[in-house]
Amino acid sequence: MVLAIVVGPILEEVIFRGYLLTFALWLFRRSPRRISSAVSVGGVGVIFAAAHLGNVGTTVLQFACIVATGCLYAWIRVQQHSTVGAAIAHAVYNGTLYVCQCVSV
């Protein structure tokens, strides 16, 4: 539980929204800010979802949801210039999924 709700979100946000998003924004730094942000947010969202394909039985809908949440976390990171808000949002999302899974069992 601690791994899924605390450690995982922090590590993933540091990797994906910290290093990877920063690198993507740097790659597109010569583009207009809106284009740079949109391409970087979308690209990192897809890469984030692809990293979760190791979970057996991931459906197309689940993949799309992971892309969407990955883009949301990246957007939060771009808006706040910090991974803290993205990590909190990610932890809350994972915690909600965990609670819902426990209740449905």
N, C-alpha and C. Protein backbone atom coordinates (compact mmCIF):
# COMPACT_ATOMS: atom_id res chain seq x y z
N MET A 1 0.82 -1.18 0.00
CA MET A 1 0.00 0.00 0.00
C MET A 1 0.88 1.26 0.00
N VAL A 2 1.87 1.32 0.85
CA VAL A 2 2.76 2.48 0.92
C VAL A 2 3.50 2.66 -0.40
N LEU A 3 3.89 1.56 -1.01
CA LEU A 3 4.59 1.61 -2.29
C LEU A 3 3.70 2.23 -3.37
N ALA A 4 2.43 1.81 -3.43
CA ALA A 4 1.51 2.28 -4.46
C ALA A 4 1.03 3.71 -4.23
N ILE A 5 0.92 4.11 -2.98
CA ILE A 5 0.32 5.41 -2.69
C ILE A 5 1.36 6.50 -2.41
N VAL A 6 2.53 6.13 -1.92
CA VAL A 6 3.52 7.14 -1.55
C VAL A 6 4.78 7.05 -2.40
N VAL A 7 5.46 5.92 -2.33
CA VAL A 7 6.77 5.78 -2.98
C VAL A 7 6.64 5.83 -4.50
N GLY A 8 5.70 5.06 -5.06
CA GLY A 8 5.51 5.01 -6.50
C GLY A 8 5.25 6.37 -7.12
N PRO A 9 4.25 7.10 -6.63
CA PRO A 9 3.99 8.42 -7.20
C PRO A 9 5.18 9.38 -7.11
N ILE A 10 5.89 9.37 -6.00
CA ILE A 10 7.03 10.27 -5.87
C ILE A 10 8.12 9.91 -6.88
N LEU A 11 8.46 8.62 -6.97
CA LEU A 11 9.49 8.20 -7.92
C LEU A 11 9.07 8.46 -9.36
N GLU A 12 7.82 8.12 -9.69
CA GLU A 12 7.35 8.33 -11.06
C GLU A 12 7.31 9.81 -11.42
N GLU A 13 6.93 10.65 -10.50
CA GLU A 13 6.88 12.08 -10.79
C GLU A 13 8.29 12.66 -10.96
N VAL A 14 9.22 12.21 -10.16
CA VAL A 14 10.59 12.68 -10.33
C VAL A 14 11.12 12.26 -11.70
N ILE A 15 10.86 11.01 -12.09
CA ILE A 15 11.36 10.51 -13.37
C ILE A 15 10.62 11.14 -14.55
N PHE A 16 9.29 11.00 -14.57
CA PHE A 16 8.52 11.42 -15.74
C PHE A 16 8.30 12.93 -15.82
N ARG A 17 7.84 13.55 -14.75
CA ARG A 17 7.55 14.98 -14.78
C ARG A 17 8.74 15.82 -14.36
N GLY A 18 9.69 15.21 -13.66
CA GLY A 18 10.90 15.94 -13.30
C GLY A 18 11.89 15.91 -14.45
N TYR A 19 12.54 14.78 -14.64
CA TYR A 19 13.58 14.67 -15.66
C TYR A 19 13.04 14.65 -17.09
N LEU A 20 12.11 13.75 -17.38
CA LEU A 20 11.67 13.55 -18.76
C LEU A 20 10.92 14.77 -19.31
N LEU A 21 10.00 15.32 -18.53
CA LEU A 21 9.26 16.49 -19.01
C LEU A 21 10.20 17.69 -19.16
N THR A 22 11.11 17.87 -18.24
CA THR A 22 12.08 18.96 -18.35
C THR A 22 12.90 18.81 -19.62
N PHE A 23 13.32 17.59 -19.93
CA PHE A 23 14.08 17.33 -21.15
C PHE A 23 13.24 17.61 -22.39
N ALA A 24 11.98 17.17 -22.38
CA ALA A 24 11.09 17.41 -23.52
C ALA A 24 10.87 18.90 -23.73
N LEU A 25 10.63 19.63 -22.66
CA LEU A 25 10.46 21.08 -22.78
C LEU A 25 11.74 21.74 -23.32
N TRP A 26 12.88 21.24 -22.92
CA TRP A 26 14.15 21.76 -23.42
C TRP A 26 14.29 21.47 -24.91
N LEU A 27 13.90 20.26 -25.34
CA LEU A 27 13.99 19.90 -26.76
C LEU A 27 13.16 20.83 -27.64
N PHE A 28 12.00 21.23 -27.14
CA PHE A 28 11.09 22.07 -27.92
C PHE A 28 11.15 23.54 -27.51
N ARG A 29 12.24 23.95 -26.88
CA ARG A 29 12.36 25.29 -26.32
C ARG A 29 12.26 26.39 -27.39
N ARG A 30 12.58 26.09 -28.62
CA ARG A 30 12.54 27.10 -29.68
C ARG A 30 11.14 27.25 -30.28
N SER A 31 10.25 26.35 -29.93
CA SER A 31 8.86 26.44 -30.39
C SER A 31 8.11 27.43 -29.51
N PRO A 32 6.97 27.95 -30.01
CA PRO A 32 6.16 28.79 -29.13
C PRO A 32 5.79 28.02 -27.86
N ARG A 33 5.67 28.73 -26.74
CA ARG A 33 5.46 28.09 -25.43
C ARG A 33 4.27 27.14 -25.42
N ARG A 34 3.15 27.53 -26.00
CA ARG A 34 1.97 26.66 -25.99
C ARG A 34 2.23 25.36 -26.74
N ILE A 35 2.90 25.46 -27.87
CA ILE A 35 3.20 24.25 -28.65
C ILE A 35 4.20 23.39 -27.91
N SER A 36 5.23 24.00 -27.38
CA SER A 36 6.24 23.27 -26.61
C SER A 36 5.61 22.53 -25.44
N SER A 37 4.75 23.23 -24.71
CA SER A 37 4.10 22.62 -23.55
C SER A 37 3.17 21.49 -23.98
N ALA A 38 2.36 21.72 -25.01
CA ALA A 38 1.38 20.71 -25.45
C ALA A 38 2.07 19.45 -25.95
N VAL A 39 3.09 19.60 -26.77
CA VAL A 39 3.81 18.44 -27.29
C VAL A 39 4.52 17.70 -26.17
N SER A 40 5.14 18.43 -25.28
CA SER A 40 5.87 17.81 -24.18
C SER A 40 4.93 17.08 -23.23
N VAL A 41 3.82 17.73 -22.86
CA VAL A 41 2.84 17.13 -21.95
C VAL A 41 2.25 15.87 -22.57
N GLY A 42 1.84 15.96 -23.83
CA GLY A 42 1.26 14.80 -24.52
C GLY A 42 2.26 13.66 -24.69
N GLY A 43 3.46 14.00 -25.10
CA GLY A 43 4.48 12.97 -25.29
C GLY A 43 4.85 12.24 -24.02
N VAL A 44 5.02 13.00 -22.94
CA VAL A 44 5.36 12.38 -21.66
C VAL A 44 4.17 11.57 -21.14
N GLY A 45 2.95 12.03 -21.41
CA GLY A 45 1.77 11.26 -21.01
C GLY A 45 1.72 9.90 -21.69
N VAL A 46 2.05 9.86 -22.96
CA VAL A 46 2.07 8.58 -23.70
C VAL A 46 3.20 7.69 -23.20
N ILE A 47 4.37 8.27 -22.97
CA ILE A 47 5.50 7.47 -22.47
C ILE A 47 5.18 6.92 -21.08
N PHE A 48 4.55 7.73 -20.25
CA PHE A 48 4.13 7.30 -18.91
C PHE A 48 3.19 6.11 -19.01
N ALA A 49 2.22 6.19 -19.91
CA ALA A 49 1.27 5.08 -20.09
C ALA A 49 1.97 3.84 -20.64
N ALA A 50 2.88 4.03 -21.57
CA ALA A 50 3.61 2.90 -22.14
C ALA A 50 4.42 2.17 -21.06
N ALA A 51 4.94 2.93 -20.11
CA ALA A 51 5.70 2.32 -19.02
C ALA A 51 4.82 1.44 -18.13
N HIS A 52 3.51 1.68 -18.17
CA HIS A 52 2.57 0.90 -17.37
C HIS A 52 1.99 -0.29 -18.13
N LEU A 53 2.42 -0.51 -19.35
CA LEU A 53 1.90 -1.63 -20.13
C LEU A 53 2.38 -2.98 -19.61
N GLY A 54 3.33 -2.98 -18.72
CA GLY A 54 3.80 -4.22 -18.12
C GLY A 54 2.75 -4.88 -17.25
N ASN A 55 1.74 -4.12 -16.86
CA ASN A 55 0.64 -4.68 -16.07
C ASN A 55 -0.20 -5.57 -16.97
N VAL A 56 -0.27 -6.84 -16.65
CA VAL A 56 -0.96 -7.81 -17.48
C VAL A 56 -2.44 -7.47 -17.58
N GLY A 57 -2.98 -7.53 -18.79
CA GLY A 57 -4.41 -7.33 -18.99
C GLY A 57 -4.84 -5.89 -19.09
N THR A 58 -3.93 -4.97 -19.35
CA THR A 58 -4.29 -3.57 -19.49
C THR A 58 -5.14 -3.40 -20.75
N THR A 59 -6.33 -2.84 -20.58
CA THR A 59 -7.24 -2.64 -21.71
C THR A 59 -6.93 -1.31 -22.40
N VAL A 60 -7.53 -1.12 -23.56
CA VAL A 60 -7.36 0.13 -24.30
C VAL A 60 -7.92 1.30 -23.47
N LEU A 61 -9.03 1.09 -22.81
CA LEU A 61 -9.62 2.13 -21.97
C LEU A 61 -8.69 2.49 -20.81
N GLN A 62 -8.12 1.48 -20.17
CA GLN A 62 -7.18 1.74 -19.08
C GLN A 62 -5.95 2.50 -19.58
N PHE A 63 -5.45 2.10 -20.75
CA PHE A 63 -4.30 2.78 -21.34
C PHE A 63 -4.64 4.25 -21.59
N ALA A 64 -5.83 4.51 -22.14
CA ALA A 64 -6.26 5.89 -22.40
C ALA A 64 -6.37 6.69 -21.10
N CYS A 65 -6.87 6.06 -20.06
CA CYS A 65 -6.96 6.74 -18.75
C CYS A 65 -5.58 7.05 -18.19
N ILE A 66 -4.64 6.15 -18.38
CA ILE A 66 -3.27 6.38 -17.89
C ILE A 66 -2.62 7.52 -18.68
N VAL A 67 -2.87 7.56 -20.00
CA VAL A 67 -2.37 8.68 -20.81
C VAL A 67 -2.96 9.99 -20.28
N ALA A 68 -4.27 9.99 -20.04
CA ALA A 68 -4.94 11.21 -19.56
C ALA A 68 -4.40 11.67 -18.21
N THR A 69 -4.23 10.74 -17.27
CA THR A 69 -3.71 11.14 -15.96
C THR A 69 -2.25 11.58 -16.08
N GLY A 70 -1.49 10.91 -16.94
CA GLY A 70 -0.10 11.32 -17.16
C GLY A 70 -0.02 12.74 -17.71
N CYS A 71 -0.93 13.08 -18.63
CA CYS A 71 -0.99 14.44 -19.17
C CYS A 71 -1.42 15.43 -18.09
N LEU A 72 -2.37 15.02 -17.26
CA LEU A 72 -2.82 15.89 -16.16
C LEU A 72 -1.66 16.20 -15.21
N TYR A 73 -0.92 15.18 -14.82
CA TYR A 73 0.21 15.39 -13.91
C TYR A 73 1.26 16.30 -14.56
N ALA A 74 1.50 16.10 -15.85
CA ALA A 74 2.47 16.94 -16.56
C ALA A 74 1.98 18.38 -16.64
N TRP A 75 0.68 18.56 -16.89
CA TRP A 75 0.11 19.91 -16.95
C TRP A 75 0.26 20.60 -15.59
N ILE A 76 -0.02 19.87 -14.52
CA ILE A 76 0.15 20.43 -13.17
C ILE A 76 1.60 20.86 -12.98
N ARG A 77 2.52 20.01 -13.39
CA ARG A 77 3.96 20.31 -13.25
C ARG A 77 4.34 21.57 -14.04
N VAL A 78 3.81 21.70 -15.27
CA VAL A 78 4.12 22.88 -16.09
C VAL A 78 3.54 24.14 -15.45
N GLN A 79 2.32 24.05 -14.96
CA GLN A 79 1.65 25.22 -14.36
C GLN A 79 2.32 25.66 -13.07
N GLN A 80 2.75 24.70 -12.25
CA GLN A 80 3.31 25.03 -10.94
C GLN A 80 4.84 25.12 -10.93
N HIS A 81 5.48 24.73 -12.02
CA HIS A 81 6.94 24.73 -12.08
C HIS A 81 7.55 23.90 -10.96
N SER A 82 6.84 22.84 -10.59
CA SER A 82 7.29 21.97 -9.50
C SER A 82 6.62 20.61 -9.65
N THR A 83 7.31 19.56 -9.24
CA THR A 83 6.72 18.23 -9.28
C THR A 83 5.90 17.91 -8.03
N VAL A 84 5.91 18.79 -7.05
CA VAL A 84 5.22 18.52 -5.79
C VAL A 84 3.71 18.35 -6.00
N GLY A 85 3.08 19.29 -6.70
CA GLY A 85 1.65 19.20 -6.95
C GLY A 85 1.29 17.96 -7.75
N ALA A 86 2.11 17.63 -8.73
CA ALA A 86 1.87 16.43 -9.54
C ALA A 86 1.99 15.17 -8.69
N ALA A 87 2.97 15.14 -7.80
CA ALA A 87 3.15 13.97 -6.93
C ALA A 87 1.97 13.82 -5.97
N ILE A 88 1.47 14.93 -5.47
CA ILE A 88 0.31 14.88 -4.57
C ILE A 88 -0.92 14.39 -5.33
N ALA A 89 -1.15 14.93 -6.52
CA ALA A 89 -2.29 14.50 -7.33
C ALA A 89 -2.19 13.01 -7.67
N HIS A 90 -1.00 12.56 -8.00
CA HIS A 90 -0.76 11.16 -8.33
C HIS A 90 -1.02 10.27 -7.11
N ALA A 91 -0.54 10.69 -5.96
CA ALA A 91 -0.75 9.91 -4.74
C ALA A 91 -2.23 9.84 -4.37
N VAL A 92 -2.93 10.94 -4.51
CA VAL A 92 -4.37 10.96 -4.21
C VAL A 92 -5.12 10.03 -5.17
N TYR A 93 -4.76 10.08 -6.44
CA TYR A 93 -5.40 9.21 -7.44
C TYR A 93 -5.15 7.73 -7.10
N ASN A 94 -3.90 7.38 -6.85
CA ASN A 94 -3.58 5.99 -6.50
C ASN A 94 -4.27 5.57 -5.21
N GLY A 95 -4.33 6.47 -4.24
CA GLY A 95 -5.02 6.17 -2.99
C GLY A 95 -6.50 5.93 -3.21
N THR A 96 -7.11 6.72 -4.07
CA THR A 96 -8.53 6.54 -4.40
C THR A 96 -8.76 5.19 -5.06
N LEU A 97 -7.89 4.84 -6.01
CA LEU A 97 -8.01 3.53 -6.67
C LEU A 97 -7.87 2.40 -5.66
N TYR A 98 -6.93 2.54 -4.73
CA TYR A 98 -6.69 1.51 -3.72
C TYR A 98 -7.92 1.34 -2.83
N VAL A 99 -8.48 2.45 -2.37
CA VAL A 99 -9.66 2.39 -1.50
C VAL A 99 -10.84 1.78 -2.26
N CYS A 100 -11.06 2.22 -3.48
CA CYS A 100 -12.18 1.69 -4.28
C CYS A 100 -12.02 0.18 -4.52
N GLN A 101 -10.78 -0.25 -4.76
CA GLN A 101 -10.53 -1.68 -4.97
C GLN A 101 -10.81 -2.46 -3.69
N CYS A 102 -10.43 -1.93 -2.56
CA CYS A 102 -10.67 -2.61 -1.28
C CYS A 102 -12.16 -2.69 -0.96
N VAL A 103 -12.90 -1.64 -1.26
CA VAL A 103 -14.33 -1.59 -0.98
C VAL A 103 -15.11 -2.56 -1.88
N SER A 104 -14.65 -2.71 -3.13
CA SER A 104 -15.38 -3.56 -4.08
C SER A 104 -15.13 -5.04 -3.87
N VAL A 105 -14.12 -5.40 -3.08
CA VAL A 105 -13.79 -6.81 -2.86
C VAL A 105 -14.70 -7.44 -1.86
